[in-house]
Amino acid sequence: CGYGVYGKDVNNGDVCTASRRLYK
């Protein structure tokens, strides 16, 4: 997604990778 550090820490680190179908 290109978020950088934001993508690491957002939602207290409760993040995910998704399949191409969900990634859109």
mmCIF file of all heavy atoms, coordinates in Angstrom:
data_MODEL
# 
_entry.id   MODEL 
# 
loop_
_atom_site.group_PDB 
_atom_site.id 
_atom_site.type_symbol 
_atom_site.label_atom_id 
_atom_site.label_alt_id 
_atom_site.label_comp_id 
_atom_site.label_asym_id 
_atom_site.label_entity_id 
_atom_site.label_seq_id 
_atom_site.pdbx_PDB_ins_code 
_atom_site.Cartn_x 
_atom_site.Cartn_y 
_atom_site.Cartn_z 
_atom_site.occupancy 
_atom_site.B_iso_or_equiv 
_atom_site.pdbx_formal_charge 
_atom_site.auth_seq_id 
_atom_site.auth_comp_id 
_atom_site.auth_asym_id 
_atom_site.auth_atom_id 
_atom_site.pdbx_PDB_model_num 
ATOM 1   N N   . CYS A 1 1  ? 0.812   -1.214  0.000   1.00 0.00 ? 1  CYS A N   1 
ATOM 2   C CA  . CYS A 1 1  ? 0.000   0.000   0.000   1.00 0.00 ? 1  CYS A CA  1 
ATOM 3   C C   . CYS A 1 1  ? 0.849   1.270   0.000   1.00 0.00 ? 1  CYS A C   1 
ATOM 4   O O   . CYS A 1 1  ? 0.345   2.356   -0.283  1.00 0.00 ? 1  CYS A O   1 
ATOM 5   C CB  . CYS A 1 1  ? -0.952  0.014   1.199   1.00 0.00 ? 1  CYS A CB  1 
ATOM 6   S SG  . CYS A 1 1  ? -2.317  -1.167  1.052   1.00 0.00 ? 1  CYS A SG  1 
ATOM 7   N N   . GLY A 1 2  ? 2.128   1.141   0.346   1.00 0.00 ? 2  GLY A N   1 
ATOM 8   C CA  . GLY A 1 2  ? 3.013   2.292   0.321   1.00 0.00 ? 2  GLY A CA  1 
ATOM 9   C C   . GLY A 1 2  ? 2.917   3.189   1.538   1.00 0.00 ? 2  GLY A C   1 
ATOM 10  O O   . GLY A 1 2  ? 3.319   4.348   1.487   1.00 0.00 ? 2  GLY A O   1 
ATOM 11  N N   . TYR A 1 3  ? 2.418   2.654   2.647   1.00 0.00 ? 3  TYR A N   1 
ATOM 12  C CA  . TYR A 1 3  ? 2.219   3.465   3.844   1.00 0.00 ? 3  TYR A CA  1 
ATOM 13  C C   . TYR A 1 3  ? 3.514   3.768   4.597   1.00 0.00 ? 3  TYR A C   1 
ATOM 14  O O   . TYR A 1 3  ? 3.547   4.674   5.429   1.00 0.00 ? 3  TYR A O   1 
ATOM 15  C CB  . TYR A 1 3  ? 1.263   2.755   4.802   1.00 0.00 ? 3  TYR A CB  1 
ATOM 16  C CG  . TYR A 1 3  ? -0.177  2.743   4.378   1.00 0.00 ? 3  TYR A CG  1 
ATOM 17  C CD1 . TYR A 1 3  ? -0.962  1.608   4.556   1.00 0.00 ? 3  TYR A CD1 1 
ATOM 18  C CD2 . TYR A 1 3  ? -0.775  3.867   3.826   1.00 0.00 ? 3  TYR A CD2 1 
ATOM 19  C CE1 . TYR A 1 3  ? -2.302  1.597   4.198   1.00 0.00 ? 3  TYR A CE1 1 
ATOM 20  C CE2 . TYR A 1 3  ? -2.104  3.861   3.450   1.00 0.00 ? 3  TYR A CE2 1 
ATOM 21  C CZ  . TYR A 1 3  ? -2.864  2.726   3.630   1.00 0.00 ? 3  TYR A CZ  1 
ATOM 22  O OH  . TYR A 1 3  ? -4.184  2.723   3.272   1.00 0.00 ? 3  TYR A OH  1 
ATOM 23  N N   . GLY A 1 4  ? 4.540   2.979   4.394   1.00 0.00 ? 4  GLY A N   1 
ATOM 24  C CA  . GLY A 1 4  ? 5.757   3.166   5.172   1.00 0.00 ? 4  GLY A CA  1 
ATOM 25  C C   . GLY A 1 4  ? 5.536   2.798   6.627   1.00 0.00 ? 4  GLY A C   1 
ATOM 26  O O   . GLY A 1 4  ? 4.848   1.821   6.943   1.00 0.00 ? 4  GLY A O   1 
ATOM 27  N N   . VAL A 1 5  ? 6.090   3.592   7.538   1.00 0.00 ? 5  VAL A N   1 
ATOM 28  C CA  . VAL A 1 5  ? 5.995   3.300   8.970   1.00 0.00 ? 5  VAL A CA  1 
ATOM 29  C C   . VAL A 1 5  ? 4.546   3.292   9.441   1.00 0.00 ? 5  VAL A C   1 
ATOM 30  O O   . VAL A 1 5  ? 4.174   2.528   10.336  1.00 0.00 ? 5  VAL A O   1 
ATOM 31  C CB  . VAL A 1 5  ? 6.828   4.324   9.774   1.00 0.00 ? 5  VAL A CB  1 
ATOM 32  C CG1 . VAL A 1 5  ? 6.635   4.106   11.276  1.00 0.00 ? 5  VAL A CG1 1 
ATOM 33  C CG2 . VAL A 1 5  ? 8.299   4.201   9.416   1.00 0.00 ? 5  VAL A CG2 1 
ATOM 34  N N   . TYR A 1 6  ? 3.700   4.120   8.834   1.00 0.00 ? 6  TYR A N   1 
ATOM 35  C CA  . TYR A 1 6  ? 2.279   4.140   9.191   1.00 0.00 ? 6  TYR A CA  1 
ATOM 36  C C   . TYR A 1 6  ? 1.672   2.744   9.028   1.00 0.00 ? 6  TYR A C   1 
ATOM 37  O O   . TYR A 1 6  ? 0.878   2.303   9.866   1.00 0.00 ? 6  TYR A O   1 
ATOM 38  C CB  . TYR A 1 6  ? 1.553   5.151   8.308   1.00 0.00 ? 6  TYR A CB  1 
ATOM 39  C CG  . TYR A 1 6  ? 0.052   5.184   8.446   1.00 0.00 ? 6  TYR A CG  1 
ATOM 40  C CD1 . TYR A 1 6  ? -0.565  5.970   9.408   1.00 0.00 ? 6  TYR A CD1 1 
ATOM 41  C CD2 . TYR A 1 6  ? -0.771  4.448   7.582   1.00 0.00 ? 6  TYR A CD2 1 
ATOM 42  C CE1 . TYR A 1 6  ? -1.951  6.020   9.528   1.00 0.00 ? 6  TYR A CE1 1 
ATOM 43  C CE2 . TYR A 1 6  ? -2.149  4.491   7.688   1.00 0.00 ? 6  TYR A CE2 1 
ATOM 44  C CZ  . TYR A 1 6  ? -2.734  5.273   8.659   1.00 0.00 ? 6  TYR A CZ  1 
ATOM 45  O OH  . TYR A 1 6  ? -4.105  5.317   8.762   1.00 0.00 ? 6  TYR A OH  1 
ATOM 46  N N   . GLY A 1 7  ? 2.038   2.040   7.971   1.00 0.00 ? 7  GLY A N   1 
ATOM 47  C CA  . GLY A 1 7  ? 1.510   0.705   7.733   1.00 0.00 ? 7  GLY A CA  1 
ATOM 48  C C   . GLY A 1 7  ? 2.003   -0.332  8.720   1.00 0.00 ? 7  GLY A C   1 
ATOM 49  O O   . GLY A 1 7  ? 1.412   -1.396  8.865   1.00 0.00 ? 7  GLY A O   1 
ATOM 50  N N   . LYS A 1 8  ? 3.062   -0.026  9.412   1.00 0.00 ? 8  LYS A N   1 
ATOM 51  C CA  . LYS A 1 8  ? 3.597   -0.923  10.429  1.00 0.00 ? 8  LYS A CA  1 
ATOM 52  C C   . LYS A 1 8  ? 2.875   -0.755  11.755  1.00 0.00 ? 8  LYS A C   1 
ATOM 53  O O   . LYS A 1 8  ? 2.596   -1.728  12.456  1.00 0.00 ? 8  LYS A O   1 
ATOM 54  C CB  . LYS A 1 8  ? 5.086   -0.641  10.616  1.00 0.00 ? 8  LYS A CB  1 
ATOM 55  C CG  . LYS A 1 8  ? 5.778   -1.401  11.730  1.00 0.00 ? 8  LYS A CG  1 
ATOM 56  C CD  . LYS A 1 8  ? 7.230   -0.979  11.839  1.00 0.00 ? 8  LYS A CD  1 
ATOM 57  C CE  . LYS A 1 8  ? 7.971   -1.737  12.915  1.00 0.00 ? 8  LYS A CE  1 
ATOM 58  N NZ  . LYS A 1 8  ? 7.424   -1.497  14.270  1.00 0.00 ? 8  LYS A NZ  1 
ATOM 59  N N   . ASP A 1 9  ? 2.564   0.499   12.084  1.00 0.00 ? 9  ASP A N   1 
ATOM 60  C CA  . ASP A 1 9  ? 2.075   0.804   13.428  1.00 0.00 ? 9  ASP A CA  1 
ATOM 61  C C   . ASP A 1 9  ? 0.570   1.043   13.535  1.00 0.00 ? 9  ASP A C   1 
ATOM 62  O O   . ASP A 1 9  ? 0.022   1.008   14.639  1.00 0.00 ? 9  ASP A O   1 
ATOM 63  C CB  . ASP A 1 9  ? 2.784   2.057   13.958  1.00 0.00 ? 9  ASP A CB  1 
ATOM 64  C CG  . ASP A 1 9  ? 4.290   1.858   14.070  1.00 0.00 ? 9  ASP A CG  1 
ATOM 65  O OD1 . ASP A 1 9  ? 4.717   0.704   14.242  1.00 0.00 ? 9  ASP A OD1 1 
ATOM 66  O OD2 . ASP A 1 9  ? 5.021   2.855   13.982  1.00 0.00 ? 9  ASP A OD2 1 
ATOM 67  N N   . VAL A 1 10 ? -0.099  1.321   12.420  1.00 0.00 ? 10 VAL A N   1 
ATOM 68  C CA  . VAL A 1 10 ? -1.516  1.658   12.480  1.00 0.00 ? 10 VAL A CA  1 
ATOM 69  C C   . VAL A 1 10 ? -2.303  0.538   13.172  1.00 0.00 ? 10 VAL A C   1 
ATOM 70  O O   . VAL A 1 10 ? -1.950  -0.647  13.062  1.00 0.00 ? 10 VAL A O   1 
ATOM 71  C CB  . VAL A 1 10 ? -2.073  1.936   11.063  1.00 0.00 ? 10 VAL A CB  1 
ATOM 72  C CG1 . VAL A 1 10 ? -2.063  0.681   10.196  1.00 0.00 ? 10 VAL A CG1 1 
ATOM 73  C CG2 . VAL A 1 10 ? -3.480  2.517   11.122  1.00 0.00 ? 10 VAL A CG2 1 
ATOM 74  N N   . ASN A 1 11 ? -3.338  0.917   13.896  1.00 0.00 ? 11 ASN A N   1 
ATOM 75  C CA  . ASN A 1 11 ? -4.177  -0.047  14.610  1.00 0.00 ? 11 ASN A CA  1 
ATOM 76  C C   . ASN A 1 11 ? -3.353  -0.892  15.584  1.00 0.00 ? 11 ASN A C   1 
ATOM 77  O O   . ASN A 1 11 ? -3.635  -2.075  15.785  1.00 0.00 ? 11 ASN A O   1 
ATOM 78  C CB  . ASN A 1 11 ? -4.923  -0.957  13.608  1.00 0.00 ? 11 ASN A CB  1 
ATOM 79  C CG  . ASN A 1 11 ? -6.095  -1.690  14.210  1.00 0.00 ? 11 ASN A CG  1 
ATOM 80  O OD1 . ASN A 1 11 ? -6.818  -1.158  15.044  1.00 0.00 ? 11 ASN A OD1 1 
ATOM 81  N ND2 . ASN A 1 11 ? -6.299  -2.927  13.788  1.00 0.00 ? 11 ASN A ND2 1 
ATOM 82  N N   . ASN A 1 12 ? -2.322  -0.265  16.166  1.00 0.00 ? 12 ASN A N   1 
ATOM 83  C CA  . ASN A 1 12 ? -1.444  -0.949  17.124  1.00 0.00 ? 12 ASN A CA  1 
ATOM 84  C C   . ASN A 1 12 ? -0.787  -2.196  16.536  1.00 0.00 ? 12 ASN A C   1 
ATOM 85  O O   . ASN A 1 12 ? -0.511  -3.162  17.266  1.00 0.00 ? 12 ASN A O   1 
ATOM 86  C CB  . ASN A 1 12 ? -2.220  -1.321  18.391  1.00 0.00 ? 12 ASN A CB  1 
ATOM 87  C CG  . ASN A 1 12 ? -2.716  -0.109  19.145  1.00 0.00 ? 12 ASN A CG  1 
ATOM 88  O OD1 . ASN A 1 12 ? -1.974  0.861   19.332  1.00 0.00 ? 12 ASN A OD1 1 
ATOM 89  N ND2 . ASN A 1 12 ? -3.967  -0.127  19.577  1.00 0.00 ? 12 ASN A ND2 1 
ATOM 90  N N   . GLY A 1 13 ? -0.549  -2.158  15.228  1.00 0.00 ? 13 GLY A N   1 
ATOM 91  C CA  . GLY A 1 13 ? 0.134   -3.279  14.581  1.00 0.00 ? 13 GLY A CA  1 
ATOM 92  C C   . GLY A 1 13 ? -0.769  -4.427  14.192  1.00 0.00 ? 13 GLY A C   1 
ATOM 93  O O   . GLY A 1 13 ? -0.287  -5.443  13.661  1.00 0.00 ? 13 GLY A O   1 
ATOM 94  N N   . ASP A 1 14 ? -2.072  -4.315  14.430  1.00 0.00 ? 14 ASP A N   1 
ATOM 95  C CA  . ASP A 1 14 ? -3.018  -5.348  14.004  1.00 0.00 ? 14 ASP A CA  1 
ATOM 96  C C   . ASP A 1 14 ? -3.385  -5.072  12.545  1.00 0.00 ? 14 ASP A C   1 
ATOM 97  O O   . ASP A 1 14 ? -4.412  -4.448  12.239  1.00 0.00 ? 14 ASP A O   1 
ATOM 98  C CB  . ASP A 1 14 ? -4.270  -5.341  14.887  1.00 0.00 ? 14 ASP A CB  1 
ATOM 99  C CG  . ASP A 1 14 ? -3.987  -5.845  16.290  1.00 0.00 ? 14 ASP A CG  1 
ATOM 100 O OD1 . ASP A 1 14 ? -2.937  -6.490  16.494  1.00 0.00 ? 14 ASP A OD1 1 
ATOM 101 O OD2 . ASP A 1 14 ? -4.807  -5.591  17.187  1.00 0.00 ? 14 ASP A OD2 1 
ATOM 102 N N   . VAL A 1 15 ? -2.509  -5.502  11.647  1.00 0.00 ? 15 VAL A N   1 
ATOM 103 C CA  . VAL A 1 15 ? -2.676  -5.248  10.219  1.00 0.00 ? 15 VAL A CA  1 
ATOM 104 C C   . VAL A 1 15 ? -2.591  -6.571  9.469   1.00 0.00 ? 15 VAL A C   1 
ATOM 105 O O   . VAL A 1 15 ? -2.297  -7.619  10.051  1.00 0.00 ? 15 VAL A O   1 
ATOM 106 C CB  . VAL A 1 15 ? -1.622  -4.253  9.694   1.00 0.00 ? 15 VAL A CB  1 
ATOM 107 C CG1 . VAL A 1 15 ? -1.748  -2.921  10.422  1.00 0.00 ? 15 VAL A CG1 1 
ATOM 108 C CG2 . VAL A 1 15 ? -0.204  -4.802  9.843   1.00 0.00 ? 15 VAL A CG2 1 
ATOM 109 N N   . CYS A 1 16 ? -2.837  -6.506  8.170   1.00 0.00 ? 16 CYS A N   1 
ATOM 110 C CA  . CYS A 1 16 ? -2.851  -7.751  7.406   1.00 0.00 ? 16 CYS A CA  1 
ATOM 111 C C   . CYS A 1 16 ? -2.458  -7.525  5.953   1.00 0.00 ? 16 CYS A C   1 
ATOM 112 O O   . CYS A 1 16 ? -2.548  -6.420  5.417   1.00 0.00 ? 16 CYS A O   1 
ATOM 113 C CB  . CYS A 1 16 ? -4.226  -8.409  7.473   1.00 0.00 ? 16 CYS A CB  1 
ATOM 114 S SG  . CYS A 1 16 ? -5.497  -7.532  6.528   1.00 0.00 ? 16 CYS A SG  1 
ATOM 115 N N   . THR A 1 17 ? -2.023  -8.602  5.364   1.00 0.00 ? 17 THR A N   1 
ATOM 116 C CA  . THR A 1 17 ? -1.868  -8.731  3.921   1.00 0.00 ? 17 THR A CA  1 
ATOM 117 C C   . THR A 1 17 ? -3.128  -9.414  3.410   1.00 0.00 ? 17 THR A C   1 
ATOM 118 O O   . THR A 1 17 ? -3.670  -10.294 4.069   1.00 0.00 ? 17 THR A O   1 
ATOM 119 C CB  . THR A 1 17 ? -0.624  -9.593  3.611   1.00 0.00 ? 17 THR A CB  1 
ATOM 120 O OG1 . THR A 1 17 ? 0.544   -8.852  3.925   1.00 0.00 ? 17 THR A OG1 1 
ATOM 121 C CG2 . THR A 1 17 ? -0.589  -9.995  2.174   1.00 0.00 ? 17 THR A CG2 1 
ATOM 122 N N   . ALA A 1 18 ? -3.603  -9.015  2.236   1.00 0.00 ? 18 ALA A N   1 
ATOM 123 C CA  . ALA A 1 18 ? -4.835  -9.600  1.698   1.00 0.00 ? 18 ALA A CA  1 
ATOM 124 C C   . ALA A 1 18 ? -4.605  -10.131 0.288   1.00 0.00 ? 18 ALA A C   1 
ATOM 125 O O   . ALA A 1 18 ? -3.692  -9.694  -0.425  1.00 0.00 ? 18 ALA A O   1 
ATOM 126 C CB  . ALA A 1 18 ? -5.957  -8.563  1.693   1.00 0.00 ? 18 ALA A CB  1 
ATOM 127 N N   . SER A 1 19 ? -5.453  -11.053 -0.112  1.00 0.00 ? 19 SER A N   1 
ATOM 128 C CA  . SER A 1 19 ? -5.376  -11.621 -1.455  1.00 0.00 ? 19 SER A CA  1 
ATOM 129 C C   . SER A 1 19 ? -5.676  -10.555 -2.495  1.00 0.00 ? 19 SER A C   1 
ATOM 130 O O   . SER A 1 19 ? -6.241  -9.502  -2.197  1.00 0.00 ? 19 SER A O   1 
ATOM 131 C CB  . SER A 1 19 ? -6.380  -12.768 -1.586  1.00 0.00 ? 19 SER A CB  1 
ATOM 132 O OG  . SER A 1 19 ? -7.714  -12.273 -1.468  1.00 0.00 ? 19 SER A OG  1 
ATOM 133 N N   . ARG A 1 20 ? -5.307  -10.832 -3.739  1.00 0.00 ? 20 ARG A N   1 
ATOM 134 C CA  . ARG A 1 20 ? -5.546  -9.868  -4.821  1.00 0.00 ? 20 ARG A CA  1 
ATOM 135 C C   . ARG A 1 20 ? -7.023  -9.519  -4.946  1.00 0.00 ? 20 ARG A C   1 
ATOM 136 O O   . ARG A 1 20 ? -7.392  -8.403  -5.256  1.00 0.00 ? 20 ARG A O   1 
ATOM 137 C CB  . ARG A 1 20 ? -5.027  -10.422 -6.144  1.00 0.00 ? 20 ARG A CB  1 
ATOM 138 C CG  . ARG A 1 20 ? -3.511  -10.390 -6.274  1.00 0.00 ? 20 ARG A CG  1 
ATOM 139 C CD  . ARG A 1 20 ? -3.061  -10.901 -7.629  1.00 0.00 ? 20 ARG A CD  1 
ATOM 140 N NE  . ARG A 1 20 ? -3.426  -12.293 -7.826  1.00 0.00 ? 20 ARG A NE  1 
ATOM 141 C CZ  . ARG A 1 20 ? -3.250  -12.945 -8.974  1.00 0.00 ? 20 ARG A CZ  1 
ATOM 142 N NH1 . ARG A 1 20 ? -2.749  -12.316 -10.023 1.00 0.00 ? 20 ARG A NH1 1 
ATOM 143 N NH2 . ARG A 1 20 ? -3.582  -14.218 -9.078  1.00 0.00 ? 20 ARG A NH2 1 
ATOM 144 N N   . ARG A 1 21 ? -7.874  -10.493 -4.692  1.00 0.00 ? 21 ARG A N   1 
ATOM 145 C CA  . ARG A 1 21 ? -9.318  -10.254 -4.800  1.00 0.00 ? 21 ARG A CA  1 
ATOM 146 C C   . ARG A 1 21 ? -9.780  -9.192  -3.808  1.00 0.00 ? 21 ARG A C   1 
ATOM 147 O O   . ARG A 1 21 ? -10.590 -8.313  -4.143  1.00 0.00 ? 21 ARG A O   1 
ATOM 148 C CB  . ARG A 1 21 ? -10.069 -11.569 -4.552  1.00 0.00 ? 21 ARG A CB  1 
ATOM 149 C CG  . ARG A 1 21 ? -11.586 -11.464 -4.621  1.00 0.00 ? 21 ARG A CG  1 
ATOM 150 C CD  . ARG A 1 21 ? -12.210 -12.828 -4.417  1.00 0.00 ? 21 ARG A CD  1 
ATOM 151 N NE  . ARG A 1 21 ? -11.904 -13.378 -3.126  1.00 0.00 ? 21 ARG A NE  1 
ATOM 152 C CZ  . ARG A 1 21 ? -12.588 -13.105 -2.013  1.00 0.00 ? 21 ARG A CZ  1 
ATOM 153 N NH1 . ARG A 1 21 ? -13.609 -12.251 -2.059  1.00 0.00 ? 21 ARG A NH1 1 
ATOM 154 N NH2 . ARG A 1 21 ? -12.274 -13.662 -0.866  1.00 0.00 ? 21 ARG A NH2 1 
ATOM 155 N N   . LEU A 1 22 ? -9.263  -9.220  -2.605  1.00 0.00 ? 22 LEU A N   1 
ATOM 156 C CA  . LEU A 1 22 ? -9.646  -8.247  -1.582  1.00 0.00 ? 22 LEU A CA  1 
ATOM 157 C C   . LEU A 1 22 ? -8.851  -6.943  -1.700  1.00 0.00 ? 22 LEU A C   1 
ATOM 158 O O   . LEU A 1 22 ? -9.350  -5.880  -1.340  1.00 0.00 ? 22 LEU A O   1 
ATOM 159 C CB  . LEU A 1 22 ? -9.448  -8.847  -0.189  1.00 0.00 ? 22 LEU A CB  1 
ATOM 160 C CG  . LEU A 1 22 ? -10.355 -10.025 0.172   1.00 0.00 ? 22 LEU A CG  1 
ATOM 161 C CD1 . LEU A 1 22 ? -9.958  -10.609 1.517   1.00 0.00 ? 22 LEU A CD1 1 
ATOM 162 C CD2 . LEU A 1 22 ? -11.810 -9.603  0.190   1.00 0.00 ? 22 LEU A CD2 1 
ATOM 163 N N   . TYR A 1 23 ? -7.647  -7.038  -2.217  1.00 0.00 ? 23 TYR A N   1 
ATOM 164 C CA  . TYR A 1 23 ? -6.774  -5.875  -2.345  1.00 0.00 ? 23 TYR A CA  1 
ATOM 165 C C   . TYR A 1 23 ? -7.302  -4.865  -3.377  1.00 0.00 ? 23 TYR A C   1 
ATOM 166 O O   . TYR A 1 23 ? -7.106  -3.657  -3.244  1.00 0.00 ? 23 TYR A O   1 
ATOM 167 C CB  . TYR A 1 23 ? -5.372  -6.353  -2.731  1.00 0.00 ? 23 TYR A CB  1 
ATOM 168 C CG  . TYR A 1 23 ? -4.327  -5.292  -2.852  1.00 0.00 ? 23 TYR A CG  1 
ATOM 169 C CD1 . TYR A 1 23 ? -3.882  -4.577  -1.753  1.00 0.00 ? 23 TYR A CD1 1 
ATOM 170 C CD2 . TYR A 1 23 ? -3.748  -5.008  -4.095  1.00 0.00 ? 23 TYR A CD2 1 
ATOM 171 C CE1 . TYR A 1 23 ? -2.891  -3.610  -1.872  1.00 0.00 ? 23 TYR A CE1 1 
ATOM 172 C CE2 . TYR A 1 23 ? -2.757  -4.047  -4.221  1.00 0.00 ? 23 TYR A CE2 1 
ATOM 173 C CZ  . TYR A 1 23 ? -2.333  -3.353  -3.115  1.00 0.00 ? 23 TYR A CZ  1 
ATOM 174 O OH  . TYR A 1 23 ? -1.357  -2.394  -3.234  1.00 0.00 ? 23 TYR A OH  1 
ATOM 175 N N   . LYS A 1 24 ? -7.969  -5.351  -4.397  1.00 0.00 ? 24 LYS A N   1 
ATOM 176 C CA  . LYS A 1 24 ? -8.625  -4.511  -5.411  1.00 0.00 ? 24 LYS A CA  1 
ATOM 177 C C   . LYS A 1 24 ? -7.659  -3.526  -6.071  1.00 0.00 ? 24 LYS A C   1 
ATOM 178 O O   . LYS A 1 24 ? -7.964  -2.354  -6.261  1.00 0.00 ? 24 LYS A O   1 
ATOM 179 C CB  . LYS A 1 24 ? -9.794  -3.728  -4.792  1.00 0.00 ? 24 LYS A CB  1 
ATOM 180 C CG  . LYS A 1 24 ? -10.872 -4.573  -4.155  1.00 0.00 ? 24 LYS A CG  1 
ATOM 181 C CD  . LYS A 1 24 ? -11.944 -3.686  -3.536  1.00 0.00 ? 24 LYS A CD  1 
ATOM 182 C CE  . LYS A 1 24 ? -12.960 -4.480  -2.770  1.00 0.00 ? 24 LYS A CE  1 
ATOM 183 N NZ  . LYS A 1 24 ? -13.975 -3.610  -2.097  1.00 0.00 ? 24 LYS A NZ  1 
# 
